[in-house]
Structures are given as structure tokens and as C-alpha cells.
Amino acid sequence: MVNRIIGFDYLRILCIFAVVAIHSFDTNSALNDFKNRYLGFAVPCFLMISFFLAAVRLSSGPVDPIGYWMARLRRFLPAYLVWTFIYLLVRALKGAQISLSLEAIAGYILFGGAAGHLYYVPLLLAYTILTLIGFQVRTKKIQIVIFTILFAASVLAGFAFPLSRLPGSNAYQAFISYVVYFSPYVSLGVLLFFLTQRTDVAKSLSGPKKQSIFFIFVSFVVIFLLLPADGQFKRIVEILLYSSLLLSFYYWPYGLSRHVERLSKISFGIYLSHHLFVEGAQVLELKWDIDISSAMVTFGNFLVGVLMAVSSSFLFTKFRLTRFLNGG
């Protein structure tokens, strides 16, 4: 396998734009319906990529599990805490009541309770612990069995307790709901790595373009098979459309890969910051009596979120603020 699979960069960019749309489109009924139907792949795809790459690292040789987890903590925690403080400050400036009880503070820090999207960071760290435990078994066959069992169990748990039926009255309960809902994709990322290690598969995936085609298509197949669907034929059409879209950009003759790689490297910063710009635009529009429920204004907020988050994340790298605002 090559060190960097450019198909992952394309997937990350598509996913991060989908995340911004998810947090922008809820003010317009038509766009809200669109994001509920078609954009649910974003976080599952992020998790599959992250834990595929984690499996690459953990299988490459002896790894100190505590050292590995601490390295991830050092990478994500500073930016997570900074943005937790920023979003709490914004809530205070908007006049929202901020509880200072021990339970509320624990929810802000441990479970991403300061803003609706920050749950992803503690979720990532929790899944990292689970993955490290699975890789403590040194025999690959047993590792495959462990992650297959985890995948099957988490899929069954997801069907038995869908996200809409799980409790979410506070940050802790919401976090547990997300842990149950997104668990299958962690195991899928690891199992996909094991699949690529088969000799016959590895030979057929020689070269970055074949690897990209494989990961782009397989990612959407497994994610959309697990997401709720109105009909299987509709789901097949979605898989083909998304895969074709990504591959068309991948084979675009004007050298997009370099720019996509740069965007991919700041995708975590875009994830952390975009909510601030989307919500800020909505607050200003309400203050200026602009109808935020219109499709044009709602889509405009999406563009504002993308442009401002991308610009600020690039700016943070220039001033060496990446660790504290972009992560990494």
C-alpha cells in the first residue's frame, strides 16, 4: 500500500462539505429533507478512513498502546478544548444560559456538549481505545474475528436502538447514542484494511488509482447499505452517483490532487470551525430581518461556512496556530 491514498483526500473533502451542509440546511425544509436523505454518509466515511489508517499503523509493528493513544490525545485535545471555549463564549454572548454544575462542565469537556458537532472528537478517542484493545491480540486471524464480531454486534445494536430512539436529553446520553450508532463504521475501516492485505487483493490494487477506485466505491457501498433507505434501487443509484462524482474529479485532467491534498490536511480544522461561521451568519440575518428559511439564504449560509472555515483554517497554518485551532 502507498503511504498516501489520494482517494482518501477526495473522500475527506466531500465529507467535510457534507458536514457543513448538514449544519446549514436545517433552516429550509427542502434542503433539510435533502441532507436527511443524502448526506448521512459524512461522519461514517470519516470514521472508516480514520480507522483504516489506524489499522495500517497498528499492524505495521509493535506499538505502545498508551503512547499511541496519548499521541492522538496531543493531536486533537488542544484544538478541541480551544473550540469548546469559543463555542461556550458564543453561547454566553447570545444570552444562552450556561450551567456551571459539575455534570454540565463534564458534558462540555468530555462529551462535546459545547456545540452539536464537537462530539466527534471524544467519539474518535473512545473508538481509538476500543481499536487498541482489539489489536493487543497479536494473531491477525483472531484480530479479524474480534473486529467482525464487533461489527456484527454494533450493527444489531444499531437496528435494535436506532439513533432516533436513543436518549439524548444531555451531552452524556447524546454521546452514548452516537457511540452506538457509529460503531459499525470503525470496525468496517479496520476490516477493509485486513481485506487489502490479502495477497490476491493487494496485487489487484497495485497503484494509487486502483486503490482510490476501490476505496471510494467500497466506502459508499457499505455506508449506504447500513444507512436507512426508502428503497434499495434508490440506494444503488446514490452509490453510483457519489462514486462517479468523486472519480470524475479524481481523473480531472487539470491537476486537482495537489489542492485536494492541501484541503484534506486542514479538514479537521474546517470541521471544528465551520459551525461558528454558519451560526454567525444566521444570527446576523435574524438581526437584519432576513428570511433564513429561504433556499437561497440557506444555501448562502452553507457557502459562507465553507469559505470562511477553509480560509481561516489555512490562515491558522500560516501563523502556526494549527495545533490549537486546526488540530494536528
C-alpha atoms as a PDB file:
ATOM      1  CA  MET A   1       0.000   0.000   0.000  1.00  0.00           C
ATOM      2  CA  VAL A   2       1.234   3.535  -0.687  1.00  0.00           C
ATOM      3  CA  ASN A   3       1.728   5.906   2.232  1.00  0.00           C
ATOM      4  CA  ARG A   4      -0.945   8.285   0.990  1.00  0.00           C
ATOM      5  CA  ILE A   5      -4.036   7.188  -0.916  1.00  0.00           C
ATOM      6  CA  ILE A   6      -5.279  10.243  -2.786  1.00  0.00           C
ATOM      7  CA  GLY A   7      -8.787   8.769  -2.906  1.00  0.00           C
ATOM      8  CA  PHE A   8      -8.982   9.315   0.862  1.00  0.00           C
ATOM      9  CA  ASP A   9      -8.316  13.021   0.335  1.00  0.00           C
ATOM     10  CA  TYR A  10     -11.212  13.261  -2.111  1.00  0.00           C
ATOM     11  CA  LEU A  11     -13.453  11.416   0.320  1.00  0.00           C
ATOM     12  CA  ARG A  12     -12.477  13.740   3.166  1.00  0.00           C
ATOM     13  CA  ILE A  13     -13.271  16.844   1.130  1.00  0.00           C
ATOM     14  CA  LEU A  14     -16.655  15.515   0.048  1.00  0.00           C
ATOM     15  CA  CYS A  15     -17.413  14.547   3.651  1.00  0.00           C
ATOM     16  CA  ILE A  16     -16.395  17.878   5.161  1.00  0.00           C
ATOM     17  CA  PHE A  17     -18.541  19.794   2.667  1.00  0.00           C
ATOM     18  CA  ALA A  18     -21.412  17.424   3.519  1.00  0.00           C
ATOM     19  CA  VAL A  19     -20.918  18.165   7.232  1.00  0.00           C
ATOM     20  CA  VAL A  20     -21.107  21.924   6.601  1.00  0.00           C
ATOM     21  CA  ALA A  21     -24.296  21.352   4.570  1.00  0.00           C
ATOM     22  CA  ILE A  22     -25.800  19.255   7.366  1.00  0.00           C
ATOM     23  CA  HIS A  23     -25.339  22.144   9.814  1.00  0.00           C
ATOM     24  CA  SER A  24     -26.531  24.765   7.296  1.00  0.00           C
ATOM     25  CA  PHE A  25     -29.547  23.204   5.595  1.00  0.00           C
ATOM     26  CA  ASP A  26     -31.846  22.833   8.617  1.00  0.00           C
ATOM     27  CA  THR A  27     -33.419  26.291   8.107  1.00  0.00           C
ATOM     28  CA  ASN A  28     -35.057  25.372   4.785  1.00  0.00           C
ATOM     29  CA  SER A  29     -37.481  22.457   4.561  1.00  0.00           C
ATOM     30  CA  ALA A  30     -36.456  21.283   1.075  1.00  0.00           C
ATOM     31  CA  LEU A  31     -32.713  21.460   1.780  1.00  0.00           C
ATOM     32  CA  ASN A  32     -33.244  19.899   5.194  1.00  0.00           C
ATOM     33  CA  ASP A  33     -35.024  16.984   3.549  1.00  0.00           C
ATOM     34  CA  PHE A  34     -32.163  16.699   1.033  1.00  0.00           C
ATOM     35  CA  LYS A  35     -29.490  16.499   3.736  1.00  0.00           C
ATOM     36  CA  ASN A  36     -31.502  13.969   5.747  1.00  0.00           C
ATOM     37  CA  ARG A  37     -31.822  11.746   2.679  1.00  0.00           C
ATOM     38  CA  TYR A  38     -28.429  12.080   1.038  1.00  0.00           C
ATOM     39  CA  LEU A  39     -25.733  13.437   3.366  1.00  0.00           C
ATOM     40  CA  GLY A  40     -25.704  10.880   6.162  1.00  0.00           C
ATOM     41  CA  PHE A  41     -22.512   9.317   4.817  1.00  0.00           C
ATOM     42  CA  ALA A  42     -20.224  12.093   6.110  1.00  0.00           C
ATOM     43  CA  VAL A  43     -19.312  11.015   9.665  1.00  0.00           C
ATOM     44  CA  PRO A  44     -19.362   7.256   8.844  1.00  0.00           C
ATOM     45  CA  CYS A  45     -16.950   7.872   5.986  1.00  0.00           C
ATOM     46  CA  PHE A  46     -14.652   9.964   8.196  1.00  0.00           C
ATOM     47  CA  LEU A  47     -14.559   7.140  10.747  1.00  0.00           C
ATOM     48  CA  MET A  48     -13.841   4.475   8.140  1.00  0.00           C
ATOM     49  CA  ILE A  49     -10.901   6.446   6.783  1.00  0.00           C
ATOM     50  CA  SER A  50      -9.535   7.238  10.238  1.00  0.00           C
ATOM     51  CA  PHE A  51      -9.606   3.663  11.486  1.00  0.00           C
ATOM     52  CA  PHE A  52      -8.374   2.172   8.238  1.00  0.00           C
ATOM     53  CA  LEU A  53      -5.299   4.368   8.675  1.00  0.00           C
ATOM     54  CA  ALA A  54      -5.141   3.477  12.375  1.00  0.00           C
ATOM     55  CA  ALA A  55      -5.102  -0.203  11.395  1.00  0.00           C
ATOM     56  CA  VAL A  56      -2.237   0.475   8.967  1.00  0.00           C
ATOM     57  CA  ARG A  57      -0.198   1.970  11.818  1.00  0.00           C
ATOM     58  CA  LEU A  58      -1.130  -0.589  14.468  1.00  0.00           C
ATOM     59  CA  SER A  59      -0.343  -3.557  12.229  1.00  0.00           C
ATOM     60  CA  SER A  60       2.994  -2.223  10.993  1.00  0.00           C
ATOM     61  CA  GLY A  61       4.912  -3.425  14.054  1.00  0.00           C
ATOM     62  CA  PRO A  62       4.965  -3.290  17.850  1.00  0.00           C
ATOM     63  CA  VAL A  63       3.070  -0.192  19.032  1.00  0.00           C
ATOM     64  CA  ASP A  64       2.869   1.051  22.592  1.00  0.00           C
ATOM     65  CA  PRO A  65      -0.938   1.400  23.043  1.00  0.00           C
ATOM     66  CA  ILE A  66      -0.678   4.069  25.729  1.00  0.00           C
ATOM     67  CA  GLY A  67       1.846   6.026  23.682  1.00  0.00           C
ATOM     68  CA  TYR A  68      -0.338   5.763  20.577  1.00  0.00           C
ATOM     69  CA  TRP A  69      -3.439   6.978  22.447  1.00  0.00           C
ATOM     70  CA  MET A  70      -1.512   9.821  24.069  1.00  0.00           C
ATOM     71  CA  ALA A  71      -0.223  10.870  20.643  1.00  0.00           C
ATOM     72  CA  ARG A  72      -3.813  11.090  19.396  1.00  0.00           C
ATOM     73  CA  LEU A  73      -4.773  12.985  22.536  1.00  0.00           C
ATOM     74  CA  ARG A  74      -1.989  15.519  21.958  1.00  0.00           C
ATOM     75  CA  ARG A  75      -3.069  15.879  18.349  1.00  0.00           C
ATOM     76  CA  PHE A  76      -6.774  16.522  18.928  1.00  0.00           C
ATOM     77  CA  LEU A  77      -7.220  17.759  22.504  1.00  0.00           C
ATOM     78  CA  PRO A  78      -5.728  21.305  22.311  1.00  0.00           C
ATOM     79  CA  ALA A  79      -7.908  22.347  19.359  1.00  0.00           C
ATOM     80  CA  TYR A  80     -10.942  20.602  20.862  1.00  0.00           C
ATOM     81  CA  LEU A  81     -10.570  22.498  24.162  1.00  0.00           C
ATOM     82  CA  VAL A  82      -9.974  25.829  22.405  1.00  0.00           C
ATOM     83  CA  TRP A  83     -13.100  25.423  20.269  1.00  0.00           C
ATOM     84  CA  THR A  84     -15.100  24.226  23.286  1.00  0.00           C
ATOM     85  CA  PHE A  85     -14.232  27.513  24.998  1.00  0.00           C
ATOM     86  CA  ILE A  86     -15.042  29.504  21.836  1.00  0.00           C
ATOM     87  CA  TYR A  87     -18.470  27.916  21.424  1.00  0.00           C
ATOM     88  CA  LEU A  88     -19.301  28.376  25.113  1.00  0.00           C
ATOM     89  CA  LEU A  89     -18.290  32.041  24.805  1.00  0.00           C
ATOM     90  CA  VAL A  90     -20.514  32.442  21.751  1.00  0.00           C
ATOM     91  CA  ARG A  91     -23.430  30.891  23.631  1.00  0.00           C
ATOM     92  CA  ALA A  92     -22.862  33.313  26.506  1.00  0.00           C
ATOM     93  CA  LEU A  93     -22.722  36.305  24.139  1.00  0.00           C
ATOM     94  CA  LYS A  94     -26.014  35.168  22.603  1.00  0.00           C
ATOM     95  CA  GLY A  95     -27.572  35.218  26.056  1.00  0.00           C
ATOM     96  CA  ALA A  96     -27.938  31.453  26.414  1.00  0.00           C
ATOM     97  CA  GLN A  97     -27.789  30.072  29.918  1.00  0.00           C
ATOM     98  CA  ILE A  98     -24.590  28.127  30.598  1.00  0.00           C
ATOM     99  CA  SER A  99     -24.725  25.784  33.556  1.00  0.00           C
ATOM    100  CA  LEU A 100     -21.616  25.560  35.729  1.00  0.00           C
ATOM    101  CA  SER A 101     -22.630  22.383  37.531  1.00  0.00           C
ATOM    102  CA  LEU A 102     -20.104  19.559  37.604  1.00  0.00           C
ATOM    103  CA  GLU A 103     -22.349  17.473  35.345  1.00  0.00           C
ATOM    104  CA  ALA A 104     -22.613  20.275  32.776  1.00  0.00           C
ATOM    105  CA  ILE A 105     -18.879  21.024  32.826  1.00  0.00           C
ATOM    106  CA  ALA A 106     -18.147  17.311  32.356  1.00  0.00           C
ATOM    107  CA  GLY A 107     -20.561  17.326  29.415  1.00  0.00           C
ATOM    108  CA  TYR A 108     -18.786  20.288  27.816  1.00  0.00           C
ATOM    109  CA  ILE A 109     -15.284  18.831  28.221  1.00  0.00           C
ATOM    110  CA  LEU A 110     -15.769  15.061  27.966  1.00  0.00           C
ATOM    111  CA  PHE A 111     -18.696  14.689  25.575  1.00  0.00           C
ATOM    112  CA  GLY A 112     -18.639  17.700  23.227  1.00  0.00           C
ATOM    113  CA  GLY A 113     -21.604  19.409  24.833  1.00  0.00           C
ATOM    114  CA  ALA A 114     -20.470  22.948  23.968  1.00  0.00           C
ATOM    115  CA  ALA A 115     -21.646  22.575  20.346  1.00  0.00           C
ATOM    116  CA  GLY A 116     -23.608  19.968  18.447  1.00  0.00           C
ATOM    117  CA  HIS A 117     -20.714  18.752  16.284  1.00  0.00           C
ATOM    118  CA  LEU A 118     -17.912  18.546  18.869  1.00  0.00           C
ATOM    119  CA  TYR A 119     -18.986  15.047  19.953  1.00  0.00           C
ATOM    120  CA  TYR A 120     -16.807  13.721  17.118  1.00  0.00           C
ATOM    121  CA  VAL A 121     -13.542  14.324  18.998  1.00  0.00           C
ATOM    122  CA  PRO A 122     -14.354  12.338  22.171  1.00  0.00           C
ATOM    123  CA  LEU A 123     -16.017   9.769  19.919  1.00  0.00           C
ATOM    124  CA  LEU A 124     -12.776   9.380  17.961  1.00  0.00           C
ATOM    125  CA  LEU A 125     -10.736   9.000  21.157  1.00  0.00           C
ATOM    126  CA  ALA A 126     -13.167   6.445  22.613  1.00  0.00           C
ATOM    127  CA  TYR A 127     -13.098   4.353  19.441  1.00  0.00           C
ATOM    128  CA  THR A 128      -9.309   4.554  19.471  1.00  0.00           C
ATOM    129  CA  ILE A 129      -9.275   2.811  22.861  1.00  0.00           C
ATOM    130  CA  LEU A 130     -11.577   0.097  21.517  1.00  0.00           C
ATOM    131  CA  THR A 131      -9.382  -0.405  18.443  1.00  0.00           C
ATOM    132  CA  LEU A 132      -6.212  -0.571  20.540  1.00  0.00           C
ATOM    133  CA  ILE A 133      -7.753  -3.314  22.665  1.00  0.00           C
ATOM    134  CA  GLY A 134      -8.598  -5.307  19.536  1.00  0.00           C
ATOM    135  CA  PHE A 135      -5.026  -5.026  18.262  1.00  0.00           C
ATOM    136  CA  GLN A 136      -3.494  -6.271  21.518  1.00  0.00           C
ATOM    137  CA  VAL A 137      -4.091  -9.764  20.161  1.00  0.00           C
ATOM    138  CA  ARG A 138      -1.028 -10.457  18.004  1.00  0.00           C
ATOM    139  CA  THR A 139      -2.590 -13.066  15.705  1.00  0.00           C
ATOM    140  CA  LYS A 140      -4.152 -11.482  12.634  1.00  0.00           C
ATOM    141  CA  LYS A 141      -6.831 -14.171  12.313  1.00  0.00           C
ATOM    142  CA  ILE A 142      -8.043 -13.513  15.846  1.00  0.00           C
ATOM    143  CA  GLN A 143      -7.971  -9.771  15.214  1.00  0.00           C
ATOM    144  CA  ILE A 144     -10.209 -10.287  12.191  1.00  0.00           C
ATOM    145  CA  VAL A 145     -12.603 -12.394  14.276  1.00  0.00           C
ATOM    146  CA  ILE A 146     -12.696  -9.737  17.013  1.00  0.00           C
ATOM    147  CA  PHE A 147     -13.497  -6.877  14.645  1.00  0.00           C
ATOM    148  CA  THR A 148     -16.016  -8.985  12.733  1.00  0.00           C
ATOM    149  CA  ILE A 149     -17.840  -9.740  15.987  1.00  0.00           C
ATOM    150  CA  LEU A 150     -17.696  -6.060  16.957  1.00  0.00           C
ATOM    151  CA  PHE A 151     -19.108  -5.111  13.564  1.00  0.00           C
ATOM    152  CA  ALA A 152     -21.963  -7.632  13.766  1.00  0.00           C
ATOM    153  CA  ALA A 153     -22.794  -6.698  17.353  1.00  0.00           C
ATOM    154  CA  SER A 154     -22.789  -2.963  16.610  1.00  0.00           C
ATOM    155  CA  VAL A 155     -24.979  -3.412  13.514  1.00  0.00           C
ATOM    156  CA  LEU A 156     -27.503  -5.402  15.560  1.00  0.00           C
ATOM    157  CA  ALA A 157     -27.382  -2.767  18.304  1.00  0.00           C
ATOM    158  CA  GLY A 158     -27.952  -0.063  15.703  1.00  0.00           C
ATOM    159  CA  PHE A 159     -31.017  -1.847  14.316  1.00  0.00           C
ATOM    160  CA  ALA A 160     -32.367  -2.520  17.815  1.00  0.00           C
ATOM    161  CA  PHE A 161     -31.710   1.017  19.042  1.00  0.00           C
ATOM    162  CA  PRO A 162     -31.808   3.452  16.106  1.00  0.00           C
ATOM    163  CA  LEU A 163     -30.470   6.943  16.723  1.00  0.00           C
ATOM    164  CA  SER A 164     -33.957   8.469  16.746  1.00  0.00           C
ATOM    165  CA  ARG A 165     -34.988   6.201  19.647  1.00  0.00           C
ATOM    166  CA  LEU A 166     -31.871   6.599  21.767  1.00  0.00           C
ATOM    167  CA  PRO A 167     -31.951   9.042  24.704  1.00  0.00           C
ATOM    168  CA  GLY A 168     -30.286  12.386  24.165  1.00  0.00           C
ATOM    169  CA  SER A 169     -31.500  14.797  26.839  1.00  0.00           C
ATOM    170  CA  ASN A 170     -27.965  15.708  27.901  1.00  0.00           C
ATOM    171  CA  ALA A 171     -24.437  15.584  26.464  1.00  0.00           C
ATOM    172  CA  TYR A 172     -23.645  12.229  28.080  1.00  0.00           C
ATOM    173  CA  GLN A 173     -26.753  10.489  26.733  1.00  0.00           C
ATOM    174  CA  ALA A 174     -26.278  12.033  23.301  1.00  0.00           C
ATOM    175  CA  PHE A 175     -22.676  10.808  23.274  1.00  0.00           C
ATOM    176  CA  ILE A 176     -23.722   7.237  24.142  1.00  0.00           C
ATOM    177  CA  SER A 177     -26.255   7.419  21.310  1.00  0.00           C
ATOM    178  CA  TYR A 178     -23.532   8.390  18.859  1.00  0.00           C
ATOM    179  CA  VAL A 179     -21.208   5.637  20.136  1.00  0.00           C
ATOM    180  CA  VAL A 180     -23.883   3.017  19.411  1.00  0.00           C
ATOM    181  CA  TYR A 181     -24.898   4.496  16.066  1.00  0.00           C
ATOM    182  CA  PHE A 182     -21.448   4.952  14.520  1.00  0.00           C
ATOM    183  CA  SER A 183     -19.698   1.841  15.890  1.00  0.00           C
ATOM    184  CA  PRO A 184     -20.085  -0.330  12.753  1.00  0.00           C
ATOM    185  CA  TYR A 185     -18.003   2.039  10.653  1.00  0.00           C
ATOM    186  CA  VAL A 186     -14.993   1.790  12.946  1.00  0.00           C
ATOM    187  CA  SER A 187     -14.876  -1.989  12.563  1.00  0.00           C
ATOM    188  CA  LEU A 188     -15.519  -1.629   8.828  1.00  0.00           C
ATOM    189  CA  GLY A 189     -12.494   0.602   8.417  1.00  0.00           C
ATOM    190  CA  VAL A 190     -10.306  -1.967  10.186  1.00  0.00           C
ATOM    191  CA  LEU A 191     -11.788  -4.923   8.273  1.00  0.00           C
ATOM    192  CA  LEU A 192     -11.288  -3.080   4.991  1.00  0.00           C
ATOM    193  CA  PHE A 193      -7.614  -2.788   5.856  1.00  0.00           C
ATOM    194  CA  PHE A 194      -7.395  -6.530   6.513  1.00  0.00           C
ATOM    195  CA  LEU A 195      -9.073  -7.159   3.152  1.00  0.00           C
ATOM    196  CA  THR A 196      -6.399  -5.148   1.348  1.00  0.00           C
ATOM    197  CA  GLN A 197      -3.690  -7.261   2.987  1.00  0.00           C
ATOM    198  CA  ARG A 198      -4.817 -10.401   1.190  1.00  0.00           C
ATOM    199  CA  THR A 199      -2.214 -11.236  -1.436  1.00  0.00           C
ATOM    200  CA  ASP A 200      -4.688 -11.510  -4.297  1.00  0.00           C
ATOM    201  CA  VAL A 201      -6.404  -8.231  -3.387  1.00  0.00           C
ATOM    202  CA  ALA A 202      -3.089  -6.410  -2.865  1.00  0.00           C
ATOM    203  CA  LYS A 203      -1.928  -7.458  -6.335  1.00  0.00           C
ATOM    204  CA  SER A 204      -5.123  -6.265  -7.955  1.00  0.00           C
ATOM    205  CA  LEU A 205      -4.846  -2.923  -6.146  1.00  0.00           C
ATOM    206  CA  SER A 206      -1.322  -2.110  -7.238  1.00  0.00           C
ATOM    207  CA  GLY A 207      -1.039   1.617  -7.863  1.00  0.00           C
ATOM    208  CA  PRO A 208      -2.786   4.606  -6.270  1.00  0.00           C
ATOM    209  CA  LYS A 209      -5.517   4.936  -8.911  1.00  0.00           C
ATOM    210  CA  LYS A 210      -6.777   1.386  -8.430  1.00  0.00           C
ATOM    211  CA  GLN A 211      -6.633   1.848  -4.662  1.00  0.00           C
ATOM    212  CA  SER A 212      -8.625   5.062  -4.941  1.00  0.00           C
ATOM    213  CA  ILE A 213     -11.308   3.448  -7.094  1.00  0.00           C
ATOM    214  CA  PHE A 214     -11.564   0.584  -4.626  1.00  0.00           C
ATOM    215  CA  PHE A 215     -11.857   2.734  -1.506  1.00  0.00           C
ATOM    216  CA  ILE A 216     -14.215   5.300  -2.988  1.00  0.00           C
ATOM    217  CA  PHE A 217     -16.642   2.683  -4.277  1.00  0.00           C
ATOM    218  CA  VAL A 218     -16.459   0.262  -1.329  1.00  0.00           C
ATOM    219  CA  SER A 219     -16.845   3.065   1.224  1.00  0.00           C
ATOM    220  CA  PHE A 220     -20.106   4.233  -0.286  1.00  0.00           C
ATOM    221  CA  VAL A 221     -21.411   0.716  -0.797  1.00  0.00           C
ATOM    222  CA  VAL A 222     -21.001  -0.326   2.846  1.00  0.00           C
ATOM    223  CA  ILE A 223     -22.095   3.021   4.286  1.00  0.00           C
ATOM    224  CA  PHE A 224     -25.260   3.297   2.221  1.00  0.00           C
ATOM    225  CA  LEU A 225     -26.185  -0.320   2.863  1.00  0.00           C
ATOM    226  CA  LEU A 226     -26.241   0.477   6.585  1.00  0.00           C
ATOM    227  CA  LEU A 227     -27.996   3.839   6.343  1.00  0.00           C
ATOM    228  CA  PRO A 228     -31.817   3.949   6.320  1.00  0.00           C
ATOM    229  CA  ALA A 229     -33.194   3.883   2.777  1.00  0.00           C
ATOM    230  CA  ASP A 230     -36.508   4.433   1.001  1.00  0.00           C
ATOM    231  CA  GLY A 231     -35.662   1.606  -1.403  1.00  0.00           C
ATOM    232  CA  GLN A 232     -32.679  -0.475  -2.438  1.00  0.00           C
ATOM    233  CA  PHE A 233     -32.785   0.640  -6.073  1.00  0.00           C
ATOM    234  CA  LYS A 234     -32.623   4.269  -4.933  1.00  0.00           C
ATOM    235  CA  ARG A 235     -29.661   3.393  -2.715  1.00  0.00           C
ATOM    236  CA  ILE A 236     -27.808   1.741  -5.609  1.00  0.00           C
ATOM    237  CA  VAL A 237     -28.334   4.870  -7.701  1.00  0.00           C
ATOM    238  CA  GLU A 238     -26.908   7.014  -4.871  1.00  0.00           C
ATOM    239  CA  ILE A 239     -23.834   4.786  -4.563  1.00  0.00           C
ATOM    240  CA  LEU A 240     -23.151   5.035  -8.292  1.00  0.00           C
ATOM    241  CA  LEU A 241     -23.749   8.789  -8.389  1.00  0.00           C
ATOM    242  CA  TYR A 242     -21.424   9.611  -5.471  1.00  0.00           C
ATOM    243  CA  SER A 243     -18.730   7.243  -6.695  1.00  0.00           C
ATOM    244  CA  SER A 244     -18.921   8.637 -10.233  1.00  0.00           C
ATOM    245  CA  LEU A 245     -18.754  12.202  -8.910  1.00  0.00           C
ATOM    246  CA  LEU A 246     -15.613  11.528  -6.896  1.00  0.00           C
ATOM    247  CA  LEU A 247     -13.903   9.556  -9.631  1.00  0.00           C
ATOM    248  CA  SER A 248     -14.681  12.214 -12.219  1.00  0.00           C
ATOM    249  CA  PHE A 249     -12.822  14.745 -10.064  1.00  0.00           C
ATOM    250  CA  TYR A 250     -10.046  12.257  -9.457  1.00  0.00           C
ATOM    251  CA  TYR A 251      -9.459  11.807 -13.183  1.00  0.00           C
ATOM    252  CA  TRP A 252      -9.948  15.513 -13.937  1.00  0.00           C
ATOM    253  CA  PRO A 253      -7.032  16.471 -16.243  1.00  0.00           C
ATOM    254  CA  TYR A 254      -6.138  19.765 -14.538  1.00  0.00           C
ATOM    255  CA  GLY A 255      -4.143  18.592 -11.522  1.00  0.00           C
ATOM    256  CA  LEU A 256      -6.655  18.854  -8.700  1.00  0.00           C
ATOM    257  CA  SER A 257      -4.888  16.309  -6.485  1.00  0.00           C
ATOM    258  CA  ARG A 258      -2.374  18.775  -5.041  1.00  0.00           C
ATOM    259  CA  HIS A 259      -5.122  21.214  -3.999  1.00  0.00           C
ATOM    260  CA  VAL A 260      -7.314  18.425  -2.666  1.00  0.00           C
ATOM    261  CA  GLU A 261      -4.439  17.143  -0.541  1.00  0.00           C
ATOM    262  CA  ARG A 262      -3.940  20.622   0.942  1.00  0.00           C
ATOM    263  CA  LEU A 263      -7.649  20.872   1.758  1.00  0.00           C
ATOM    264  CA  SER A 264      -7.660  17.374   3.206  1.00  0.00           C
ATOM    265  CA  LYS A 265      -4.877  18.269   5.629  1.00  0.00           C
ATOM    266  CA  ILE A 266      -6.992  21.044   7.179  1.00  0.00           C
ATOM    267  CA  SER A 267     -10.302  19.151   7.067  1.00  0.00           C
ATOM    268  CA  PHE A 268     -10.333  18.719  10.850  1.00  0.00           C
ATOM    269  CA  GLY A 269      -9.921  22.470  11.304  1.00  0.00           C
ATOM    270  CA  ILE A 270     -12.791  23.067   8.869  1.00  0.00           C
ATOM    271  CA  TYR A 271     -14.897  20.621  10.876  1.00  0.00           C
ATOM    272  CA  LEU A 272     -14.203  22.397  14.163  1.00  0.00           C
ATOM    273  CA  SER A 273     -14.707  25.958  12.911  1.00  0.00           C
ATOM    274  CA  HIS A 274     -17.486  25.854  10.313  1.00  0.00           C
ATOM    275  CA  HIS A 275     -20.336  25.842  12.830  1.00  0.00           C
ATOM    276  CA  LEU A 276     -19.205  29.211  14.172  1.00  0.00           C
ATOM    277  CA  PHE A 277     -19.470  30.870  10.759  1.00  0.00           C
ATOM    278  CA  VAL A 278     -22.771  29.223   9.787  1.00  0.00           C
ATOM    279  CA  GLU A 279     -24.385  30.135  13.087  1.00  0.00           C
ATOM    280  CA  GLY A 280     -22.888  33.640  12.961  1.00  0.00           C
ATOM    281  CA  ALA A 281     -24.395  34.230   9.525  1.00  0.00           C
ATOM    282  CA  GLN A 282     -27.795  33.024  10.750  1.00  0.00           C
ATOM    283  CA  VAL A 283     -27.672  35.311  13.816  1.00  0.00           C
ATOM    284  CA  LEU A 284     -26.843  38.355  11.663  1.00  0.00           C
ATOM    285  CA  GLU A 285     -29.618  37.514   9.203  1.00  0.00           C
ATOM    286  CA  LEU A 286     -32.177  37.293  12.006  1.00  0.00           C
ATOM    287  CA  LYS A 287     -30.939  40.631  13.357  1.00  0.00           C
ATOM    288  CA  TRP A 288     -31.336  42.193   9.901  1.00  0.00           C
ATOM    289  CA  ASP A 289     -34.793  40.615   9.383  1.00  0.00           C
ATOM    290  CA  ILE A 290     -33.602  38.403   6.543  1.00  0.00           C
ATOM    291  CA  ASP A 291     -35.719  35.317   5.931  1.00  0.00           C
ATOM    292  CA  ILE A 292     -33.322  32.489   6.827  1.00  0.00           C
ATOM    293  CA  SER A 293     -35.877  29.881   5.757  1.00  0.00           C
ATOM    294  CA  SER A 294     -35.474  30.733   2.076  1.00  0.00           C
ATOM    295  CA  ALA A 295     -33.483  28.260  -0.017  1.00  0.00           C
ATOM    296  CA  MET A 296     -31.173  30.970  -1.396  1.00  0.00           C
ATOM    297  CA  VAL A 297     -30.249  32.324   2.061  1.00  0.00           C
ATOM    298  CA  THR A 298     -29.821  28.827   3.478  1.00  0.00           C
ATOM    299  CA  PHE A 299     -27.524  27.787   0.641  1.00  0.00           C
ATOM    300  CA  GLY A 300     -25.688  31.093   1.028  1.00  0.00           C
ATOM    301  CA  ASN A 301     -25.018  30.212   4.677  1.00  0.00           C
ATOM    302  CA  PHE A 302     -23.529  26.928   3.507  1.00  0.00           C
ATOM    303  CA  LEU A 303     -21.181  28.795   1.165  1.00  0.00           C
ATOM    304  CA  VAL A 304     -20.242  31.234   3.935  1.00  0.00           C
ATOM    305  CA  GLY A 305     -19.474  28.315   6.241  1.00  0.00           C
ATOM    306  CA  VAL A 306     -17.280  26.611   3.639  1.00  0.00           C
ATOM    307  CA  LEU A 307     -15.395  29.719   2.518  1.00  0.00           C
ATOM    308  CA  MET A 308     -14.800  31.135   5.994  1.00  0.00           C
ATOM    309  CA  ALA A 309     -13.817  27.790   7.536  1.00  0.00           C
ATOM    310  CA  VAL A 310     -11.418  26.981   4.690  1.00  0.00           C
ATOM    311  CA  SER A 311      -9.896  30.478   4.708  1.00  0.00           C
ATOM    312  CA  SER A 312      -9.465  30.617   8.480  1.00  0.00           C
ATOM    313  CA  SER A 313      -8.008  27.099   8.643  1.00  0.00           C
ATOM    314  CA  PHE A 314      -5.405  27.996   6.002  1.00  0.00           C
ATOM    315  CA  LEU A 315      -4.703  31.239   7.868  1.00  0.00           C
ATOM    316  CA  PHE A 316      -4.137  29.368  11.133  1.00  0.00           C
ATOM    317  CA  THR A 317      -1.429  27.294   9.447  1.00  0.00           C
ATOM    318  CA  LYS A 318       0.377  30.459   8.330  1.00  0.00           C
ATOM    319  CA  PHE A 319       0.524  31.798  11.892  1.00  0.00           C
ATOM    320  CA  ARG A 320       1.488  28.437  13.386  1.00  0.00           C
ATOM    321  CA  LEU A 321      -1.837  28.128  15.190  1.00  0.00           C
ATOM    322  CA  THR A 322      -2.633  24.759  13.644  1.00  0.00           C
ATOM    323  CA  ARG A 323      -2.204  22.723  16.822  1.00  0.00           C
ATOM    324  CA  PHE A 324      -4.592  24.937  18.796  1.00  0.00           C
ATOM    325  CA  LEU A 325      -7.219  25.639  16.134  1.00  0.00           C
ATOM    326  CA  ASN A 326      -6.928  23.007  13.376  1.00  0.00           C
ATOM    327  CA  GLY A 327      -5.705  20.017  15.373  1.00  0.00           C
ATOM    328  CA  GLY A 328      -2.608  18.045  14.477  1.00  0.00           C
END
